[in-house]
Amino acid sequence: MTLTVRVISPDKTVWDAPAEEVILPSTTGQLGILSGHAPLLTALDTGVMRVRANKNQGWTAIALLGGFAEVEQDEVTILVNSAERGDTINIEEARAAFNEAETRLNQVQSGERQAQIQANQAYKRARARFQAAGGTV
């Protein structure tokens, strides 16, 4: 049996196809979904979702920038603020953005709470895009 998987952002549908397995970046850690999974509603963190369409194919990586996932009756619906397939991301641009975000995060002063939050969010977004493109952190 397969899952019906949909990844929907405000401006486009990033994925709408059957899949054998899905790994989601939930706010409590990585969450694997297979056919027959119990009903579930979970918050998603900024990170990389992995989808395997069938056992003979590799994984497709999708960078997710926060949202929610619902699993019910072998349907996985993922509503996110933004999403981008890894095979559409330029890895060199993603690497440069990741390095820049990491440098910025390391330079923020400990007393600047708002700047820390913004730098951390930018770092998580850049890391997710870089990892989805195939980079290792």
C-alpha atoms as a PDB file:
ATOM      1  CA  MET A   1       0.000   0.000   0.000  1.00  0.00           C
ATOM      2  CA  THR A   2       1.067   3.571  -0.560  1.00  0.00           C
ATOM      3  CA  LEU A   3       0.483   6.931   0.986  1.00  0.00           C
ATOM      4  CA  THR A   4      -0.993   9.927  -0.778  1.00  0.00           C
ATOM      5  CA  VAL A   5       1.346  12.806   0.054  1.00  0.00           C
ATOM      6  CA  ARG A   6       0.668  16.495  -0.528  1.00  0.00           C
ATOM      7  CA  VAL A   7       2.993  19.359   0.405  1.00  0.00           C
ATOM      8  CA  ILE A   8       1.171  22.663   0.058  1.00  0.00           C
ATOM      9  CA  SER A   9       2.606  26.140   0.575  1.00  0.00           C
ATOM     10  CA  PRO A  10       0.664  29.407   0.196  1.00  0.00           C
ATOM     11  CA  ASP A  11       1.892  29.938  -3.360  1.00  0.00           C
ATOM     12  CA  LYS A  12       2.173  26.415  -4.806  1.00  0.00           C
ATOM     13  CA  THR A  13       1.819  22.675  -4.360  1.00  0.00           C
ATOM     14  CA  VAL A  14       5.358  21.345  -4.008  1.00  0.00           C
ATOM     15  CA  TRP A  15       4.511  17.612  -3.981  1.00  0.00           C
ATOM     16  CA  ASP A  16       1.311  15.752  -4.829  1.00  0.00           C
ATOM     17  CA  ALA A  17       2.042  12.090  -5.528  1.00  0.00           C
ATOM     18  CA  PRO A  18       1.915   8.640  -3.972  1.00  0.00           C
ATOM     19  CA  ALA A  19       4.812   7.555  -1.756  1.00  0.00           C
ATOM     20  CA  GLU A  20       5.943   4.503   0.167  1.00  0.00           C
ATOM     21  CA  GLU A  21       7.505   6.401   3.057  1.00  0.00           C
ATOM     22  CA  VAL A  22       7.832   9.933   4.437  1.00  0.00           C
ATOM     23  CA  ILE A  23      10.193  11.345   7.067  1.00  0.00           C
ATOM     24  CA  LEU A  24       9.098  14.668   8.566  1.00  0.00           C
ATOM     25  CA  PRO A  25      10.996  17.223  10.687  1.00  0.00           C
ATOM     26  CA  SER A  26       8.470  17.540  13.510  1.00  0.00           C
ATOM     27  CA  THR A  27       9.062  19.903  16.417  1.00  0.00           C
ATOM     28  CA  THR A  28       9.787  16.869  18.621  1.00  0.00           C
ATOM     29  CA  GLY A  29      12.235  15.178  16.227  1.00  0.00           C
ATOM     30  CA  GLN A  30      12.202  13.145  13.020  1.00  0.00           C
ATOM     31  CA  LEU A  31       8.906  11.373  12.372  1.00  0.00           C
ATOM     32  CA  GLY A  32       8.575   8.435   9.963  1.00  0.00           C
ATOM     33  CA  ILE A  33       5.250   7.747   8.260  1.00  0.00           C
ATOM     34  CA  LEU A  34       4.372   4.460   6.558  1.00  0.00           C
ATOM     35  CA  SER A  35       1.108   3.085   5.210  1.00  0.00           C
ATOM     36  CA  GLY A  36      -1.321   2.279   8.011  1.00  0.00           C
ATOM     37  CA  HIS A  37       0.010   4.981  10.349  1.00  0.00           C
ATOM     38  CA  ALA A  38      -2.312   6.064  13.158  1.00  0.00           C
ATOM     39  CA  PRO A  39      -4.106   9.399  12.711  1.00  0.00           C
ATOM     40  CA  LEU A  40      -1.816  12.262  13.678  1.00  0.00           C
ATOM     41  CA  LEU A  41      -1.610  16.042  13.674  1.00  0.00           C
ATOM     42  CA  THR A  42       1.833  17.501  14.356  1.00  0.00           C
ATOM     43  CA  ALA A  43       3.685  20.797  14.137  1.00  0.00           C
ATOM     44  CA  LEU A  44       6.657  20.849  11.780  1.00  0.00           C
ATOM     45  CA  ASP A  45       9.972  22.519  12.397  1.00  0.00           C
ATOM     46  CA  THR A  46      12.166  24.117   9.769  1.00  0.00           C
ATOM     47  CA  GLY A  47      14.085  21.200   8.283  1.00  0.00           C
ATOM     48  CA  VAL A  48      14.240  18.599   5.547  1.00  0.00           C
ATOM     49  CA  MET A  49      11.389  16.276   4.681  1.00  0.00           C
ATOM     50  CA  ARG A  50      12.319  13.122   2.812  1.00  0.00           C
ATOM     51  CA  VAL A  51       9.916  11.226   0.535  1.00  0.00           C
ATOM     52  CA  ARG A  52      10.478   7.855  -1.110  1.00  0.00           C
ATOM     53  CA  ALA A  53       8.040   7.285  -3.959  1.00  0.00           C
ATOM     54  CA  ASN A  54       8.810   3.557  -4.160  1.00  0.00           C
ATOM     55  CA  LYS A  55      11.392   1.091  -2.905  1.00  0.00           C
ATOM     56  CA  ASN A  56      13.274   1.112  -6.224  1.00  0.00           C
ATOM     57  CA  GLN A  57      13.867   4.876  -6.125  1.00  0.00           C
ATOM     58  CA  GLY A  58      15.945   7.053  -3.867  1.00  0.00           C
ATOM     59  CA  TRP A  59      14.718   9.731  -1.527  1.00  0.00           C
ATOM     60  CA  THR A  60      13.484  13.148  -2.620  1.00  0.00           C
ATOM     61  CA  ALA A  61      14.431  15.935  -0.217  1.00  0.00           C
ATOM     62  CA  ILE A  62      12.161  18.916   0.369  1.00  0.00           C
ATOM     63  CA  ALA A  63      13.153  21.887   2.553  1.00  0.00           C
ATOM     64  CA  LEU A  64      10.219  22.834   4.793  1.00  0.00           C
ATOM     65  CA  LEU A  65      10.033  26.150   6.595  1.00  0.00           C
ATOM     66  CA  GLY A  66       7.614  25.345   9.411  1.00  0.00           C
ATOM     67  CA  GLY A  67       4.002  24.285   9.297  1.00  0.00           C
ATOM     68  CA  PHE A  68       1.754  21.346  10.152  1.00  0.00           C
ATOM     69  CA  ALA A  69       1.226  17.778   8.983  1.00  0.00           C
ATOM     70  CA  GLU A  70      -1.915  15.681   9.205  1.00  0.00           C
ATOM     71  CA  VAL A  71      -1.927  11.918   8.718  1.00  0.00           C
ATOM     72  CA  GLU A  72      -5.252  10.168   8.278  1.00  0.00           C
ATOM     73  CA  GLN A  73      -6.249   7.036   6.332  1.00  0.00           C
ATOM     74  CA  ASP A  74      -2.964   6.818   4.378  1.00  0.00           C
ATOM     75  CA  GLU A  75      -3.158  10.480   3.391  1.00  0.00           C
ATOM     76  CA  VAL A  76      -0.404  12.851   4.501  1.00  0.00           C
ATOM     77  CA  THR A  77      -1.258  16.523   4.085  1.00  0.00           C
ATOM     78  CA  ILE A  78       1.520  18.972   4.844  1.00  0.00           C
ATOM     79  CA  LEU A  79       0.712  22.682   5.074  1.00  0.00           C
ATOM     80  CA  VAL A  80       3.825  24.836   5.287  1.00  0.00           C
ATOM     81  CA  ASN A  81       4.860  28.481   5.249  1.00  0.00           C
ATOM     82  CA  SER A  82       7.293  27.697   2.437  1.00  0.00           C
ATOM     83  CA  ALA A  83       8.784  24.610   0.786  1.00  0.00           C
ATOM     84  CA  GLU A  84      11.343  23.916  -1.903  1.00  0.00           C
ATOM     85  CA  ARG A  85      12.395  20.651  -3.530  1.00  0.00           C
ATOM     86  CA  GLY A  86      16.082  19.922  -3.103  1.00  0.00           C
ATOM     87  CA  ASP A  87      16.564  19.149  -6.801  1.00  0.00           C
ATOM     88  CA  THR A  88      15.574  22.741  -7.667  1.00  0.00           C
ATOM     89  CA  ILE A  89      18.066  24.377  -5.259  1.00  0.00           C
ATOM     90  CA  ASN A  90      21.483  25.503  -6.498  1.00  0.00           C
ATOM     91  CA  ILE A  91      23.842  23.837  -4.029  1.00  0.00           C
ATOM     92  CA  GLU A  92      26.580  26.479  -4.324  1.00  0.00           C
ATOM     93  CA  GLU A  93      24.148  29.315  -3.605  1.00  0.00           C
ATOM     94  CA  ALA A  94      22.686  27.304  -0.724  1.00  0.00           C
ATOM     95  CA  ARG A  95      26.191  26.643   0.667  1.00  0.00           C
ATOM     96  CA  ALA A  96      27.066  30.358   0.512  1.00  0.00           C
ATOM     97  CA  ALA A  97      23.783  31.325   2.214  1.00  0.00           C
ATOM     98  CA  PHE A  98      24.361  28.680   4.910  1.00  0.00           C
ATOM     99  CA  ASN A  99      27.919  29.886   5.600  1.00  0.00           C
ATOM    100  CA  GLU A 100      26.732  33.497   5.768  1.00  0.00           C
ATOM    101  CA  ALA A 101      23.869  32.620   8.146  1.00  0.00           C
ATOM    102  CA  GLU A 102      26.216  30.593  10.357  1.00  0.00           C
ATOM    103  CA  THR A 103      28.677  33.486  10.550  1.00  0.00           C
ATOM    104  CA  ARG A 104      25.888  35.927  11.376  1.00  0.00           C
ATOM    105  CA  LEU A 105      24.554  33.623  14.110  1.00  0.00           C
ATOM    106  CA  ASN A 106      28.014  33.316  15.663  1.00  0.00           C
ATOM    107  CA  GLN A 107      28.509  37.097  15.650  1.00  0.00           C
ATOM    108  CA  VAL A 108      25.284  38.019  17.446  1.00  0.00           C
ATOM    109  CA  GLN A 109      25.880  39.330  20.948  1.00  0.00           C
ATOM    110  CA  SER A 110      24.339  37.344  23.801  1.00  0.00           C
ATOM    111  CA  GLY A 111      22.281  40.307  25.085  1.00  0.00           C
ATOM    112  CA  GLU A 112      20.575  40.986  21.757  1.00  0.00           C
ATOM    113  CA  ARG A 113      17.573  38.647  22.089  1.00  0.00           C
ATOM    114  CA  GLN A 114      15.690  39.787  18.960  1.00  0.00           C
ATOM    115  CA  ALA A 115      18.824  39.590  16.807  1.00  0.00           C
ATOM    116  CA  GLN A 116      19.544  36.092  18.172  1.00  0.00           C
ATOM    117  CA  ILE A 117      16.062  34.873  17.260  1.00  0.00           C
ATOM    118  CA  GLN A 118      16.278  36.316  13.747  1.00  0.00           C
ATOM    119  CA  ALA A 119      19.782  34.938  13.181  1.00  0.00           C
ATOM    120  CA  ASN A 120      18.748  31.502  14.438  1.00  0.00           C
ATOM    121  CA  GLN A 121      15.711  31.392  12.128  1.00  0.00           C
ATOM    122  CA  ALA A 122      17.838  32.467   9.147  1.00  0.00           C
ATOM    123  CA  TYR A 123      20.394  29.783  10.051  1.00  0.00           C
ATOM    124  CA  LYS A 124      17.732  27.051  10.246  1.00  0.00           C
ATOM    125  CA  ARG A 125      16.264  28.090   6.871  1.00  0.00           C
ATOM    126  CA  ALA A 126      19.678  28.183   5.198  1.00  0.00           C
ATOM    127  CA  ARG A 127      20.682  24.826   6.741  1.00  0.00           C
ATOM    128  CA  ALA A 128      17.433  23.165   5.548  1.00  0.00           C
ATOM    129  CA  ARG A 129      17.898  24.445   1.995  1.00  0.00           C
ATOM    130  CA  PHE A 130      21.561  23.376   1.926  1.00  0.00           C
ATOM    131  CA  GLN A 131      20.765  19.892   3.251  1.00  0.00           C
ATOM    132  CA  ALA A 132      17.847  19.454   0.840  1.00  0.00           C
ATOM    133  CA  ALA A 133      20.169  20.363  -2.040  1.00  0.00           C
ATOM    134  CA  GLY A 134      22.500  17.550  -0.977  1.00  0.00           C
ATOM    135  CA  GLY A 135      24.954  19.378   1.245  1.00  0.00           C
ATOM    136  CA  THR A 136      26.166  17.999   4.542  1.00  0.00           C
ATOM    137  CA  VAL A 137      26.358  20.055   7.698  1.00  0.00           C
END
